[in-house]
Protein backbone atom coordinates (compact mmCIF):
# COMPACT_ATOMS: atom_id res chain seq x y z
CA MET A 1 -25.45 -102.54 -19.38
CA SER A 2 -27.48 -102.57 -23.14
CA VAL A 3 -30.97 -103.84 -23.13
CA GLN A 4 -31.34 -106.40 -26.16
CA GLN A 5 -34.60 -105.71 -27.83
CA ASN A 6 -36.48 -108.66 -29.65
CA VAL A 7 -36.17 -108.19 -33.10
CA PRO A 8 -38.85 -110.10 -35.06
CA GLN A 9 -38.00 -112.04 -38.05
CA GLY A 10 -40.37 -111.15 -40.49
CA TYR A 11 -43.36 -109.10 -40.67
CA SER A 12 -46.87 -110.21 -38.83
CA ALA A 13 -49.77 -110.67 -40.97
CA THR A 14 -51.26 -107.54 -40.08
CA GLN A 15 -47.93 -105.25 -40.96
CA ILE A 16 -48.38 -106.89 -44.48
CA ALA A 17 -51.71 -106.31 -44.90
CA LEU A 18 -51.45 -102.86 -43.74
CA HIS A 19 -48.55 -102.28 -46.36
CA TRP A 20 -50.63 -103.59 -49.02
CA ALA A 21 -53.66 -101.82 -48.37
CA VAL A 22 -52.23 -98.47 -48.48
CA ALA A 23 -50.29 -99.37 -51.22
CA VAL A 24 -53.50 -100.18 -53.14
CA LEU A 25 -55.11 -97.03 -51.76
CA ILE A 26 -52.04 -94.65 -52.70
CA ALA A 27 -52.56 -96.00 -56.34
CA ALA A 28 -56.36 -95.47 -56.36
CA GLN A 29 -55.61 -91.84 -55.19
CA PHE A 30 -52.99 -91.25 -58.18
CA LEU A 31 -55.37 -92.87 -60.45
CA PHE A 32 -58.82 -91.31 -59.62
CA LYS A 33 -57.54 -87.67 -58.50
CA ASP A 34 -59.10 -86.14 -61.81
CA ALA A 35 -62.74 -85.36 -60.11
CA ILE A 36 -61.16 -84.04 -56.93
CA SER A 37 -58.48 -81.58 -59.37
CA ASN A 38 -61.72 -80.65 -61.32
CA ALA A 39 -63.76 -79.76 -58.81
CA TRP A 40 -60.66 -77.76 -56.98
CA ASP A 41 -60.17 -75.94 -60.10
CA ALA A 42 -64.14 -74.97 -60.40
CA ILE A 43 -64.03 -73.73 -56.77
CA GLY A 44 -61.03 -71.48 -57.42
CA ALA A 45 -62.87 -70.24 -60.48
CA GLY A 46 -66.30 -69.67 -58.65
CA LYS A 47 -68.18 -72.18 -60.23
CA THR A 48 -70.46 -75.28 -59.30
CA PHE A 49 -69.50 -78.69 -59.59
CA ALA A 50 -71.51 -81.52 -59.84
CA PHE A 51 -71.14 -84.31 -57.13
CA ASP A 52 -68.47 -87.03 -57.92
CA PRO A 53 -68.60 -90.00 -55.88
CA LEU A 54 -64.91 -89.99 -56.51
CA ILE A 55 -64.21 -86.76 -54.61
CA LEU A 56 -65.71 -88.55 -51.58
CA ALA A 57 -63.41 -91.27 -52.48
CA HIS A 58 -60.43 -89.22 -52.34
CA VAL A 59 -61.31 -87.68 -49.24
CA GLY A 60 -62.16 -90.70 -47.73
CA GLY A 61 -59.27 -92.42 -48.92
CA GLY A 62 -56.77 -89.74 -47.67
CA GLY A 63 -58.37 -90.16 -44.10
CA LEU A 64 -58.53 -94.10 -44.48
CA ILE A 65 -54.52 -93.82 -45.37
CA LEU A 66 -54.00 -91.78 -42.64
CA ALA A 67 -55.55 -94.07 -40.14
CA LEU A 68 -53.67 -97.00 -41.50
CA VAL A 69 -50.23 -95.19 -41.43
CA VAL A 70 -51.14 -94.77 -37.64
CA TRP A 71 -51.55 -98.19 -37.33
CA ARG A 72 -48.67 -99.44 -38.88
CA LEU A 73 -46.48 -96.60 -36.98
CA VAL A 74 -48.30 -97.94 -33.58
CA LEU A 75 -47.30 -101.83 -34.49
CA ARG A 76 -43.65 -101.06 -35.91
CA LEU A 77 -43.46 -99.37 -32.78
CA LYS A 78 -44.56 -102.01 -30.24
CA ARG A 79 -43.45 -105.16 -32.38
CA GLY A 80 -40.77 -104.08 -34.42
CA VAL A 81 -39.54 -104.61 -37.89
CA PRO A 82 -37.09 -107.54 -39.44
CA ALA A 83 -33.26 -106.27 -39.22
CA PRO A 84 -32.27 -105.12 -42.74
CA PRO A 85 -30.48 -108.25 -44.62
CA GLU A 86 -26.90 -108.83 -43.24
CA ASN A 87 -25.14 -108.35 -46.65
CA GLU A 88 -26.59 -104.70 -47.00
CA PRO A 89 -24.39 -101.98 -46.84
CA GLY A 90 -24.39 -99.43 -44.02
CA ALA A 91 -24.98 -96.56 -46.27
CA LEU A 92 -28.03 -98.43 -47.83
CA LYS A 93 -29.28 -99.81 -44.31
CA THR A 94 -29.39 -95.88 -43.44
CA LEU A 95 -31.36 -94.99 -46.67
CA SER A 96 -33.51 -97.49 -46.16
CA HIS A 97 -34.48 -96.53 -42.58
CA VAL A 98 -34.64 -92.48 -43.94
CA ALA A 99 -37.00 -93.91 -46.53
CA HIS A 100 -39.33 -95.79 -44.47
CA TRP A 101 -39.89 -92.87 -41.98
CA ALA A 102 -40.16 -90.39 -44.85
CA PHE A 103 -42.92 -92.54 -46.32
CA TYR A 104 -44.73 -92.15 -42.95
CA ALA A 105 -44.39 -88.20 -42.83
CA VAL A 106 -45.43 -87.65 -46.23
CA LEU A 107 -48.05 -89.44 -46.32
CA ALA A 108 -49.11 -88.01 -42.92
CA ALA A 109 -48.26 -84.67 -44.32
CA MET A 110 -50.23 -85.33 -47.60
CA THR A 111 -53.44 -85.93 -45.83
CA VAL A 112 -53.35 -82.88 -43.62
CA THR A 113 -52.69 -80.55 -46.72
CA GLY A 114 -55.13 -82.35 -48.60
CA SER A 115 -57.65 -82.09 -45.64
CA LEU A 116 -56.77 -78.15 -45.49
CA ALA A 117 -56.95 -77.76 -48.85
CA TRP A 118 -60.49 -79.00 -49.19
CA PHE A 119 -62.18 -78.28 -46.20
CA GLY A 120 -60.73 -74.85 -45.68
CA TYR A 121 -59.49 -74.02 -49.04
CA VAL A 122 -56.27 -73.21 -48.14
CA THR A 123 -54.14 -72.56 -51.46
CA GLN A 124 -51.09 -72.99 -49.86
CA ALA A 125 -52.22 -76.65 -48.75
CA ALA A 126 -53.09 -77.45 -51.73
CA GLN A 127 -49.82 -76.23 -53.59
CA ALA A 128 -47.64 -78.19 -50.65
CA HIS A 129 -49.90 -81.31 -51.56
CA ASN A 130 -48.97 -81.67 -54.79
CA THR A 131 -45.38 -80.91 -54.12
CA LEU A 132 -45.74 -83.61 -51.51
CA LYS A 133 -47.20 -85.64 -54.24
CA ILE A 134 -43.85 -85.66 -56.37
CA ALA A 135 -42.08 -86.44 -52.87
CA LEU A 136 -43.94 -89.52 -52.82
CA LEU A 137 -43.72 -90.71 -56.31
CA ALA A 138 -40.01 -90.76 -55.59
CA LEU A 139 -40.12 -92.60 -52.30
CA VAL A 140 -42.44 -95.12 -54.25
CA GLY A 141 -40.27 -95.82 -56.87
CA LEU A 142 -37.11 -96.07 -54.85
CA HIS A 143 -39.13 -98.47 -53.17
CA VAL A 144 -40.26 -100.52 -56.07
CA LEU A 145 -36.80 -100.48 -57.73
CA ALA A 146 -35.25 -101.47 -54.37
CA VAL A 147 -36.97 -104.95 -54.59
CA PRO A 148 -35.01 -105.98 -57.86
CA PHE A 149 -31.73 -104.32 -56.61
CA HIS A 150 -31.92 -106.58 -53.38
CA ARG A 151 -32.82 -109.60 -55.78
CA VAL A 152 -30.34 -109.24 -58.56
CA VAL A 153 -27.49 -107.43 -57.15
CA LEU A 154 -27.37 -108.31 -53.35
CA LYS A 155 -28.94 -111.38 -53.93
CA ASN A 156 -31.47 -111.84 -51.25
CA ASN A 157 -34.81 -111.93 -51.51
CA VAL A 158 -35.77 -109.44 -49.23
CA MET A 159 -39.51 -108.88 -50.76
CA ARG A 160 -40.65 -112.06 -49.24
CA ARG A 161 -40.95 -110.40 -46.02
CA MET A 162 -43.58 -108.27 -47.24
CA ILE A 163 -45.24 -111.45 -48.56
CA ARG A 164 -44.93 -113.86 -45.73
CA PRO A 165 -45.72 -113.44 -42.28
CA ALA A 166 -43.72 -114.54 -39.36
CA GLU A 167 -45.25 -114.45 -36.20
């Protein structure tokens, strides 16, 4: 006997808000990373660096991203997510599924490696953090390119699900 799961028709307002909050925080982390990068280089060279609120913002932003990602995961597991569009080919459904879980994994790993690098001065963690940054940029690019692909090629409006809540 199979158990049928209730699949929501769309994302909740909370899921949507968390998605966009994480997107904004990720953008801020990339745009304002120079302060923490410069401080890291100064520490490595045995120099001191002046306090910069952008360093605190980067560290706090990373922690906040992790908290929001965990919240999103809890909601995803408890509430579920809408089914992929019906006209999406099987291989793309698989790619989408893998990409979404990769986002969670990469964001969590970035937070852990960033914390180990900053608070423990673990050089390997800093190197992993920078490598993960490339993976995250690739995932963001793929995610953003999926929107026009869905709209133009598959002729569905999958983006609407991340704008209008369906309770």
